Every structure is written in structure tokens, then in C-alpha cells.
C-alpha atoms as a PDB file:
ATOM      1  CA  MET A   1      99.166 123.236 106.923  1.00  0.00           C
ATOM      2  CA  SER A   2     100.042 122.963 110.466  1.00  0.00           C
ATOM      3  CA  LEU A   3     103.776 121.495 110.153  1.00  0.00           C
ATOM      4  CA  GLU A   4     104.937 123.964 107.466  1.00  0.00           C
ATOM      5  CA  GLY A   5     108.586 124.777 107.936  1.00  0.00           C
ATOM      6  CA  LYS A   6     109.140 121.963 110.048  1.00  0.00           C
ATOM      7  CA  VAL A   7     111.778 119.141 109.465  1.00  0.00           C
ATOM      8  CA  ALA A   8     111.047 115.510 110.691  1.00  0.00           C
ATOM      9  CA  ILE A   9     113.018 112.477 110.824  1.00  0.00           C
ATOM     10  CA  VAL A  10     111.058 109.256 110.748  1.00  0.00           C
ATOM     11  CA  THR A  11     113.342 105.945 111.230  1.00  0.00           C
ATOM     12  CA  GLY A  12     112.210 103.189 109.452  1.00  0.00           C
ATOM     13  CA  GLY A  13     109.880 105.110 107.103  1.00  0.00           C
ATOM     14  CA  ALA A  14     110.126 103.338 103.759  1.00  0.00           C
ATOM     15  CA  ARG A  15     107.255 100.936 104.444  1.00  0.00           C
ATOM     16  CA  GLY A  16     104.439  99.870 106.592  1.00  0.00           C
ATOM     17  CA  ILE A  17     103.712 102.307 109.628  1.00  0.00           C
ATOM     18  CA  GLY A  18     106.812 104.320 109.182  1.00  0.00           C
ATOM     19  CA  ALA A  19     105.493 105.359 105.406  1.00  0.00           C
ATOM     20  CA  GLY A  20     102.051 105.973 106.949  1.00  0.00           C
ATOM     21  CA  ILE A  21     103.668 108.320 109.391  1.00  0.00           C
ATOM     22  CA  VAL A  22     105.744 110.016 106.567  1.00  0.00           C
ATOM     23  CA  ARG A  23     102.867 110.580 104.390  1.00  0.00           C
ATOM     24  CA  SER A  24     100.652 112.100 107.460  1.00  0.00           C
ATOM     25  CA  LEU A  25     103.737 114.392 108.315  1.00  0.00           C
ATOM     26  CA  SER A  26     104.216 115.434 104.708  1.00  0.00           C
ATOM     27  CA  ALA A  27     100.567 116.182 104.269  1.00  0.00           C
ATOM     28  CA  GLU A  28     100.898 118.715 106.728  1.00  0.00           C
ATOM     29  CA  GLY A  29     103.672 120.424 105.514  1.00  0.00           C
ATOM     30  CA  ALA A  30     106.711 118.874 107.138  1.00  0.00           C
ATOM     31  CA  LYS A  31     109.936 118.127 105.222  1.00  0.00           C
ATOM     32  CA  VAL A  32     110.750 114.447 105.881  1.00  0.00           C
ATOM     33  CA  ALA A  33     113.893 112.515 106.053  1.00  0.00           C
ATOM     34  CA  PHE A  34     113.724 108.768 106.607  1.00  0.00           C
ATOM     35  CA  ASN A  35     115.976 105.944 106.550  1.00  0.00           C
ATOM     36  CA  TYR A  36     115.711 102.428 104.992  1.00  0.00           C
ATOM     37  CA  VAL A  37     118.078  99.316 105.852  1.00  0.00           C
ATOM     38  CA  SER A  38     119.107  97.242 102.729  1.00  0.00           C
ATOM     39  CA  PRO A  39     119.645  98.282  98.922  1.00  0.00           C
ATOM     40  CA  SER A  40     116.711  95.804  98.412  1.00  0.00           C
ATOM     41  CA  SER A  41     114.378  98.545  99.994  1.00  0.00           C
ATOM     42  CA  ARG A  42     115.620 101.267  97.829  1.00  0.00           C
ATOM     43  CA  ALA A  43     113.113 100.967  95.039  1.00  0.00           C
ATOM     44  CA  THR A  44     110.276 101.165  97.717  1.00  0.00           C
ATOM     45  CA  ALA A  45     112.070 104.255  99.536  1.00  0.00           C
ATOM     46  CA  ASP A  46     112.372 106.064  95.796  1.00  0.00           C
ATOM     47  CA  ALA A  47     108.587 105.164  95.028  1.00  0.00           C
ATOM     48  CA  LEU A  48     107.711 106.951  98.321  1.00  0.00           C
ATOM     49  CA  ILE A  49     109.654 109.960  97.601  1.00  0.00           C
ATOM     50  CA  ALA A  50     108.406 110.085  94.113  1.00  0.00           C
ATOM     51  CA  GLU A  51     104.833 109.978  95.233  1.00  0.00           C
ATOM     52  CA  LEU A  52     105.400 112.830  97.666  1.00  0.00           C
ATOM     53  CA  GLN A  53     107.178 114.865  95.106  1.00  0.00           C
ATOM     54  CA  GLN A  54     104.205 114.496  92.848  1.00  0.00           C
ATOM     55  CA  ASN A  55     102.242 116.501  95.575  1.00  0.00           C
ATOM     56  CA  ASN A  56     104.920 119.219  96.044  1.00  0.00           C
ATOM     57  CA  LYS A  57     106.418 117.784  99.092  1.00  0.00           C
ATOM     58  CA  GLN A  58     109.932 117.537 100.049  1.00  0.00           C
ATOM     59  CA  ALA A  59     111.417 114.238 101.341  1.00  0.00           C
ATOM     60  CA  ILE A  60     114.633 112.259 101.219  1.00  0.00           C
ATOM     61  CA  ALA A  61     115.697 108.716 102.175  1.00  0.00           C
ATOM     62  CA  ILE A  62     118.943 107.596 103.446  1.00  0.00           C
ATOM     63  CA  GLN A  63     120.146 104.047 103.544  1.00  0.00           C
ATOM     64  CA  ALA A  64     121.191 103.243 107.211  1.00  0.00           C
ATOM     65  CA  ASP A  65     120.903 100.278 109.409  1.00  0.00           C
ATOM     66  CA  MET A  66     119.468 101.346 112.943  1.00  0.00           C
ATOM     67  CA  THR A  67     122.006  98.585 114.402  1.00  0.00           C
ATOM     68  CA  SER A  68     124.927 100.580 113.269  1.00  0.00           C
ATOM     69  CA  LEU A  69     126.330 102.911 115.821  1.00  0.00           C
ATOM     70  CA  ASP A  70     126.921 105.704 113.188  1.00  0.00           C
ATOM     71  CA  ALA A  71     123.397 105.378 111.792  1.00  0.00           C
ATOM     72  CA  SER A  72     121.829 108.181 114.046  1.00  0.00           C
ATOM     73  CA  GLN A  73     124.640 110.779 113.070  1.00  0.00           C
ATOM     74  CA  LYS A  74     124.333 109.716 109.371  1.00  0.00           C
ATOM     75  CA  ILE A  75     120.689 110.142 109.178  1.00  0.00           C
ATOM     76  CA  ILE A  76     120.856 113.619 111.152  1.00  0.00           C
ATOM     77  CA  ALA A  77     123.664 114.889 108.981  1.00  0.00           C
ATOM     78  CA  ALA A  78     121.811 114.019 105.526  1.00  0.00           C
ATOM     79  CA  ALA A  79     118.568 115.604 106.837  1.00  0.00           C
ATOM     80  CA  ARG A  80     120.403 118.885 107.849  1.00  0.00           C
ATOM     81  CA  GLU A  81     122.230 118.973 104.354  1.00  0.00           C
ATOM     82  CA  ALA A  82     119.186 118.182 102.357  1.00  0.00           C
ATOM     83  CA  PHE A  83     116.945 120.700 103.944  1.00  0.00           C
ATOM     84  CA  GLN A  84     119.551 123.269 104.706  1.00  0.00           C
ATOM     85  CA  THR A  85     118.701 123.723 108.467  1.00  0.00           C
ATOM     86  CA  GLU A  86     120.206 123.649 111.773  1.00  0.00           C
ATOM     87  CA  HIS A  87     116.925 122.199 113.541  1.00  0.00           C
ATOM     88  CA  ILE A  88     115.181 119.042 113.314  1.00  0.00           C
ATOM     89  CA  HIS A  89     111.900 119.574 114.978  1.00  0.00           C
ATOM     90  CA  ILE A  90     110.246 116.352 114.962  1.00  0.00           C
ATOM     91  CA  LEU A  91     111.829 112.963 115.617  1.00  0.00           C
ATOM     92  CA  VAL A  92     109.759 109.673 115.321  1.00  0.00           C
ATOM     93  CA  ASN A  93     111.546 106.408 116.411  1.00  0.00           C
ATOM     94  CA  ASN A  94     109.497 104.016 114.274  1.00  0.00           C
ATOM     95  CA  ALA A  95     112.291 101.597 113.139  1.00  0.00           C
ATOM     96  CA  GLY A  96     111.488  98.295 114.685  1.00  0.00           C
ATOM     97  CA  ALA A  97     111.933  94.632 114.312  1.00  0.00           C
ATOM     98  CA  GLY A  98     109.711  91.747 115.421  1.00  0.00           C
ATOM     99  CA  ASP A  99     110.001  87.910 116.041  1.00  0.00           C
ATOM    100  CA  ASN A 100     107.693  85.470 117.310  1.00  0.00           C
ATOM    101  CA  ARG A 101     108.848  82.294 118.936  1.00  0.00           C
ATOM    102  CA  PRO A 102     108.322  80.319 122.278  1.00  0.00           C
ATOM    103  CA  LEU A 103     110.686  81.198 125.109  1.00  0.00           C
ATOM    104  CA  GLU A 104     112.282  78.133 124.823  1.00  0.00           C
ATOM    105  CA  GLU A 105     113.448  78.888 121.203  1.00  0.00           C
ATOM    106  CA  VAL A 106     114.678  82.418 121.939  1.00  0.00           C
ATOM    107  CA  THR A 107     118.175  82.655 121.292  1.00  0.00           C
ATOM    108  CA  LEU A 108     120.935  85.246 122.120  1.00  0.00           C
ATOM    109  CA  ASP A 109     121.065  86.506 118.596  1.00  0.00           C
ATOM    110  CA  VAL A 110     117.277  86.808 118.320  1.00  0.00           C
ATOM    111  CA  TYR A 111     117.412  88.817 121.487  1.00  0.00           C
ATOM    112  CA  THR A 112     120.231  91.028 120.754  1.00  0.00           C
ATOM    113  CA  HIS A 113     118.814  91.858 117.378  1.00  0.00           C
ATOM    114  CA  LEU A 114     115.276  92.859 118.818  1.00  0.00           C
ATOM    115  CA  MET A 115     117.007  94.869 121.632  1.00  0.00           C
ATOM    116  CA  ASP A 116     119.529  96.541 119.276  1.00  0.00           C
ATOM    117  CA  VAL A 117     116.789  97.938 116.944  1.00  0.00           C
ATOM    118  CA  ASN A 118     113.652  98.290 119.114  1.00  0.00           C
ATOM    119  CA  VAL A 119     115.821  99.604 122.348  1.00  0.00           C
ATOM    120  CA  ARG A 120     119.226 100.576 121.905  1.00  0.00           C
ATOM    121  CA  ALA A 121     118.731 102.584 118.498  1.00  0.00           C
ATOM    122  CA  VAL A 122     115.892 104.591 120.027  1.00  0.00           C
ATOM    123  CA  VAL A 123     118.161 105.772 122.872  1.00  0.00           C
ATOM    124  CA  PHE A 124     120.736 106.640 120.779  1.00  0.00           C
ATOM    125  CA  MET A 125     118.757 108.288 118.052  1.00  0.00           C
ATOM    126  CA  THR A 126     117.056 110.543 120.494  1.00  0.00           C
ATOM    127  CA  GLN A 127     120.682 111.275 122.284  1.00  0.00           C
ATOM    128  CA  ALA A 128     121.787 112.335 118.819  1.00  0.00           C
ATOM    129  CA  ILE A 129     118.990 114.491 117.956  1.00  0.00           C
ATOM    130  CA  LEU A 130     119.208 116.735 121.260  1.00  0.00           C
ATOM    131  CA  PRO A 131     121.747 119.070 120.028  1.00  0.00           C
ATOM    132  CA  PHE A 132     119.459 119.742 116.936  1.00  0.00           C
ATOM    133  CA  ILE A 133     116.072 120.052 118.305  1.00  0.00           C
ATOM    134  CA  PRO A 134     114.625 123.432 119.180  1.00  0.00           C
ATOM    135  CA  ARG A 135     112.325 124.283 122.035  1.00  0.00           C
ATOM    136  CA  GLY A 136     108.959 123.233 121.131  1.00  0.00           C
ATOM    137  CA  GLY A 137     110.204 120.156 119.514  1.00  0.00           C
ATOM    138  CA  ARG A 138     108.426 116.575 119.328  1.00  0.00           C
ATOM    139  CA  ILE A 139     109.832 113.311 119.912  1.00  0.00           C
ATOM    140  CA  VAL A 140     107.335 110.400 119.206  1.00  0.00           C
ATOM    141  CA  ASN A 141     108.235 106.603 119.941  1.00  0.00           C
ATOM    142  CA  LEU A 142     106.514 103.853 118.429  1.00  0.00           C
ATOM    143  CA  SER A 143     105.298 101.130 121.110  1.00  0.00           C
ATOM    144  CA  SER A 144     103.169  98.143 120.581  1.00  0.00           C
ATOM    145  CA  ILE A 145      99.930  96.666 122.062  1.00  0.00           C
ATOM    146  CA  SER A 146     102.510  93.744 122.661  1.00  0.00           C
ATOM    147  CA  ALA A 147     103.870  95.738 125.618  1.00  0.00           C
ATOM    148  CA  ARG A 148     100.936  95.258 127.595  1.00  0.00           C
ATOM    149  CA  GLY A 149      98.909  92.154 125.909  1.00  0.00           C
ATOM    150  CA  GLY A 150     100.846  89.288 127.431  1.00  0.00           C
ATOM    151  CA  TYR A 151     100.624  87.412 124.150  1.00  0.00           C
ATOM    152  CA  PRO A 152     102.270  84.134 123.899  1.00  0.00           C
ATOM    153  CA  THR A 153     105.433  83.711 121.682  1.00  0.00           C
ATOM    154  CA  GLN A 154     106.441  87.628 121.970  1.00  0.00           C
ATOM    155  CA  SER A 155     108.779  87.484 125.015  1.00  0.00           C
ATOM    156  CA  VAL A 156     111.577  89.660 123.851  1.00  0.00           C
ATOM    157  CA  TYR A 157     109.339  91.777 121.422  1.00  0.00           C
ATOM    158  CA  ALA A 158     106.927  92.554 124.254  1.00  0.00           C
ATOM    159  CA  ALA A 159     109.988  93.317 126.624  1.00  0.00           C
ATOM    160  CA  SER A 160     111.510  95.722 124.059  1.00  0.00           C
ATOM    161  CA  LYS A 161     108.233  97.742 123.667  1.00  0.00           C
ATOM    162  CA  ALA A 162     107.654  97.979 127.214  1.00  0.00           C
ATOM    163  CA  ALA A 163     110.952  99.533 127.402  1.00  0.00           C
ATOM    164  CA  VAL A 164     110.076 101.962 124.915  1.00  0.00           C
ATOM    165  CA  GLU A 165     107.174 103.135 127.085  1.00  0.00           C
ATOM    166  CA  GLY A 166     109.373 103.326 130.062  1.00  0.00           C
ATOM    167  CA  LEU A 167     111.782 105.557 127.920  1.00  0.00           C
ATOM    168  CA  THR A 168     109.002 107.799 126.869  1.00  0.00           C
ATOM    169  CA  ARG A 169     108.110 108.615 130.427  1.00  0.00           C
ATOM    170  CA  VAL A 170     111.553 109.176 131.783  1.00  0.00           C
ATOM    171  CA  TRP A 171     112.343 111.370 128.906  1.00  0.00           C
ATOM    172  CA  ALA A 172     109.271 113.301 129.108  1.00  0.00           C
ATOM    173  CA  THR A 173     110.284 114.260 132.507  1.00  0.00           C
ATOM    174  CA  GLU A 174     114.167 114.549 131.758  1.00  0.00           C
ATOM    175  CA  LEU A 175     114.072 116.421 128.703  1.00  0.00           C
ATOM    176  CA  GLY A 176     110.911 118.681 129.264  1.00  0.00           C
ATOM    177  CA  HIS A 177     112.360 121.652 131.088  1.00  0.00           C
ATOM    178  CA  LYS A 178     115.827 121.275 129.752  1.00  0.00           C
ATOM    179  CA  TYR A 179     115.051 121.063 125.943  1.00  0.00           C
ATOM    180  CA  GLY A 180     111.456 122.328 125.781  1.00  0.00           C
ATOM    181  CA  VAL A 181     110.154 119.170 124.040  1.00  0.00           C
ATOM    182  CA  THR A 182     107.390 116.715 124.467  1.00  0.00           C
ATOM    183  CA  VAL A 183     108.032 112.991 124.298  1.00  0.00           C
ATOM    184  CA  ASN A 184     104.994 110.692 123.964  1.00  0.00           C
ATOM    185  CA  ALA A 185     104.607 107.216 122.310  1.00  0.00           C
ATOM    186  CA  VAL A 186     101.983 105.481 120.075  1.00  0.00           C
ATOM    187  CA  ASN A 187     100.984 101.932 121.125  1.00  0.00           C
ATOM    188  CA  PRO A 188      99.431 100.483 117.737  1.00  0.00           C
ATOM    189  CA  GLY A 189      97.579  97.323 117.769  1.00  0.00           C
ATOM    190  CA  PRO A 190      97.269  94.920 114.794  1.00  0.00           C
ATOM    191  CA  VAL A 191      98.227  97.170 111.643  1.00  0.00           C
ATOM    192  CA  ASP A 192      97.788  95.736 108.100  1.00  0.00           C
ATOM    193  CA  THR A 193     101.562  95.813 107.247  1.00  0.00           C
ATOM    194  CA  ASP A 194     103.976  93.485 105.561  1.00  0.00           C
ATOM    195  CA  MET A 195     105.341  92.893 109.031  1.00  0.00           C
ATOM    196  CA  TYR A 196     101.888  92.065 110.168  1.00  0.00           C
ATOM    197  CA  GLN A 197     100.876  89.566 107.214  1.00  0.00           C
ATOM    198  CA  ALA A 198     104.612  87.833 108.024  1.00  0.00           C
ATOM    199  CA  ALA A 199     103.728  87.171 111.656  1.00  0.00           C
ATOM    200  CA  GLY A 200     102.826  83.478 110.843  1.00  0.00           C
ATOM    201  CA  PRO A 201      99.769  81.771 110.328  1.00  0.00           C
ATOM    202  CA  VAL A 202      98.932  81.169 114.215  1.00  0.00           C
ATOM    203  CA  HIS A 203      99.420  84.785 115.142  1.00  0.00           C
ATOM    204  CA  LEU A 204      97.569  85.792 112.155  1.00  0.00           C
ATOM    205  CA  ALA A 205      94.673  83.755 112.823  1.00  0.00           C
ATOM    206  CA  ARG A 206      94.497  84.862 116.412  1.00  0.00           C
ATOM    207  CA  MET A 207      94.386  88.411 115.339  1.00  0.00           C
ATOM    208  CA  GLU A 208      91.852  88.317 112.954  1.00  0.00           C
ATOM    209  CA  GLU A 209      89.511  86.680 115.356  1.00  0.00           C
ATOM    210  CA  GLN A 210      90.556  89.766 117.711  1.00  0.00           C
ATOM    211  CA  ASN A 211      90.012  92.261 114.923  1.00  0.00           C
ATOM    212  CA  LYS A 212      86.334  91.238 114.852  1.00  0.00           C
ATOM    213  CA  LYS A 213      85.663  92.361 118.121  1.00  0.00           C
ATOM    214  CA  VAL A 214      87.435  95.763 117.970  1.00  0.00           C
ATOM    215  CA  PRO A 215      84.962  98.388 119.506  1.00  0.00           C
ATOM    216  CA  ALA A 216      85.886 101.055 117.090  1.00  0.00           C
ATOM    217  CA  GLY A 217      85.288  98.963 113.939  1.00  0.00           C
ATOM    218  CA  GLN A 218      85.551  95.373 113.120  1.00  0.00           C
ATOM    219  CA  ARG A 219      88.794  95.721 111.267  1.00  0.00           C
ATOM    220  CA  CYS A 220      92.462  95.835 111.390  1.00  0.00           C
ATOM    221  CA  GLY A 221      94.337  99.190 111.823  1.00  0.00           C
ATOM    222  CA  THR A 222      95.619 100.984 108.937  1.00  0.00           C
ATOM    223  CA  VAL A 223      98.874 102.910 108.479  1.00  0.00           C
ATOM    224  CA  GLN A 224      96.882 106.120 108.169  1.00  0.00           C
ATOM    225  CA  ASP A 225      95.032 105.615 111.692  1.00  0.00           C
ATOM    226  CA  VAL A 226      98.645 105.432 113.180  1.00  0.00           C
ATOM    227  CA  GLY A 227     100.095 108.195 111.021  1.00  0.00           C
ATOM    228  CA  ASP A 228      97.282 110.539 111.777  1.00  0.00           C
ATOM    229  CA  ILE A 229      97.911 110.040 115.671  1.00  0.00           C
ATOM    230  CA  VAL A 230     101.755 110.742 115.227  1.00  0.00           C
ATOM    231  CA  CYS A 231     101.040 113.714 113.180  1.00  0.00           C
ATOM    232  CA  PHE A 232      98.659 115.174 115.928  1.00  0.00           C
ATOM    233  CA  LEU A 233     101.412 114.628 118.551  1.00  0.00           C
ATOM    234  CA  ALA A 234     104.072 116.545 116.210  1.00  0.00           C
ATOM    235  CA  GLN A 235     101.713 119.459 115.909  1.00  0.00           C
ATOM    236  CA  GLU A 236     101.378 122.647 118.246  1.00  0.00           C
ATOM    237  CA  ARG A 237      97.951 121.483 119.261  1.00  0.00           C
ATOM    238  CA  SER A 238      99.462 118.779 121.205  1.00  0.00           C
ATOM    239  CA  ARG A 239     101.584 121.093 123.467  1.00  0.00           C
ATOM    240  CA  TRP A 240      99.674 119.612 126.689  1.00  0.00           C
ATOM    241  CA  VAL A 241     100.543 116.069 125.940  1.00  0.00           C
ATOM    242  CA  THR A 242     103.672 114.498 127.370  1.00  0.00           C
ATOM    243  CA  GLY A 243     104.929 111.453 128.918  1.00  0.00           C
ATOM    244  CA  ASP A 244     101.749 109.621 127.609  1.00  0.00           C
ATOM    245  CA  VAL A 245     101.240 106.474 125.483  1.00  0.00           C
ATOM    246  CA  ILE A 246      98.185 106.648 123.136  1.00  0.00           C
ATOM    247  CA  CYS A 247      96.719 103.144 122.633  1.00  0.00           C
ATOM    248  CA  ALA A 248      96.000 103.263 118.761  1.00  0.00           C
ATOM    249  CA  ASN A 249      94.018  99.775 118.844  1.00  0.00           C
ATOM    250  CA  GLY A 250      90.453 100.791 118.341  1.00  0.00           C
ATOM    251  CA  GLY A 251      89.814  99.612 121.746  1.00  0.00           C
ATOM    252  CA  MET A 252      90.990  96.072 121.364  1.00  0.00           C
ATOM    253  CA  LEU A 253      92.975  96.680 124.571  1.00  0.00           C
ATOM    254  CA  TYR A 254      92.125  99.433 127.068  1.00  0.00           C
ATOM    255  CA  THR A 255      94.883 100.755 129.253  1.00  0.00           C
END
């Protein structure tokens, strides 16, 4: 297993794409810590841990809201204690929030929440990991096809994900020599998750029509499709890939 002995943190890993990433990293031998936001997600997080433990994998879940300024330190401390390690080898900034509404209906609260979760938390989670990530470490950020697609009703969400791609390129340059890490992003298209299903009937109907035209297969993406790409970027064999954004959308949008 290519990630045996590695410790990974996946933010927002209890469900959806995050859970797929947790499973993929764990399958390759990584010890994985992930967070969930609210007590209502505790059962989902516990079920994922139980599933992994049945396969003799090690994982922990931490309740931490990424909008909280102490969330990053809390998650890192819990991972180091649970796995008795000084190092966090892999960070996956997956936690995200979505909101679809016309520009006329965007409020300051909506803007602030999306930017806090999708951008600010990524900045300060990455900053917090730097003292603990060894040379050869991996940082993977989750973007979205929305960063490039120009889809109506996604002004703030699209801007937040475009920011993630900008951060990825800056950090690949800024952190590469200094810390010996690679920094990449994965840009998924539609993925069949709770968040996707809750996007609203108009957005969902539009995506279903687009899914029928996807070159790689007439379907929506799966969490394993994305998890496997993240897993590759976490492995030694991706050592010559950095500052890149991998568009995991089956060819729905070429970039």
C-alpha cells in the first residue's frame, strides 16, 4: 500500500466527496483524521470510522467547524495525539459550502459564510499544517467546475473556488522549495452527493442534461472518481506534479 505509514487530514470528510477521499486514502494505508461540523453529523462520521475499522484501518473524526478560528489547531492536535506522530504528511482541504442564488439575492451573510468556509479556512488550515508537514508532503485543495464554468446563480461560490485555484498556484511556488511539498487542486464536475442533490430543481435538471453529454461516460461523477485522483496526488508517484488543477469532470469542461 503506497501510503502506509502516512498520516492524512481531510477536512469535511464525514460525507460526500470528503468521505470518498477518506476511503481512498485509507485503502492505500494512510491513517486519516477528518472533521465534521455539527452533532447531527456524528452518526455519519462514526459509521465511516466503523466501516474503516472493519478493514483494519485507522481513522478518527473530530467535531470542528471550519469557520471557527481554532478549528485547524484542534484538528491537527487531535490527529497528532491519536496517531502518536509529529508529522502530518497529507492535507486535503475538502470542506466546502455551497449556495445558488441570483446576484440580486446575494446577502452579506451568504457571501461571508461561503468565503469563510471555502477560502479563509483553506488559508489558515494550510498555514497551521506547515510546522508539521515533512518534506515530500502533499497538499491537495478541492476546487469545482464552477470556478471556470460561468454558471448562473453561482457568483459567490464560483469566486470562492476560483480563489482556491489561485491559492494552489501561489503555494506550489511559495512552499515548494521552502517546505519540500507539492500543492495541487482537484476540480470536480457534478458528483452524486447530498450537496449535489440539494442544489435545487433548476440547477439539478441542467446538470442532468449536461451529464448525458460527458465524453468519458454518460453519467454524473462518483465520490470514488474524485477520491482516486486525490489519492494519486498524495502518493510518491505524483512527485513531479505541482501547481496543477486536475479537472475531474469526465470531459464536461476542457481547460
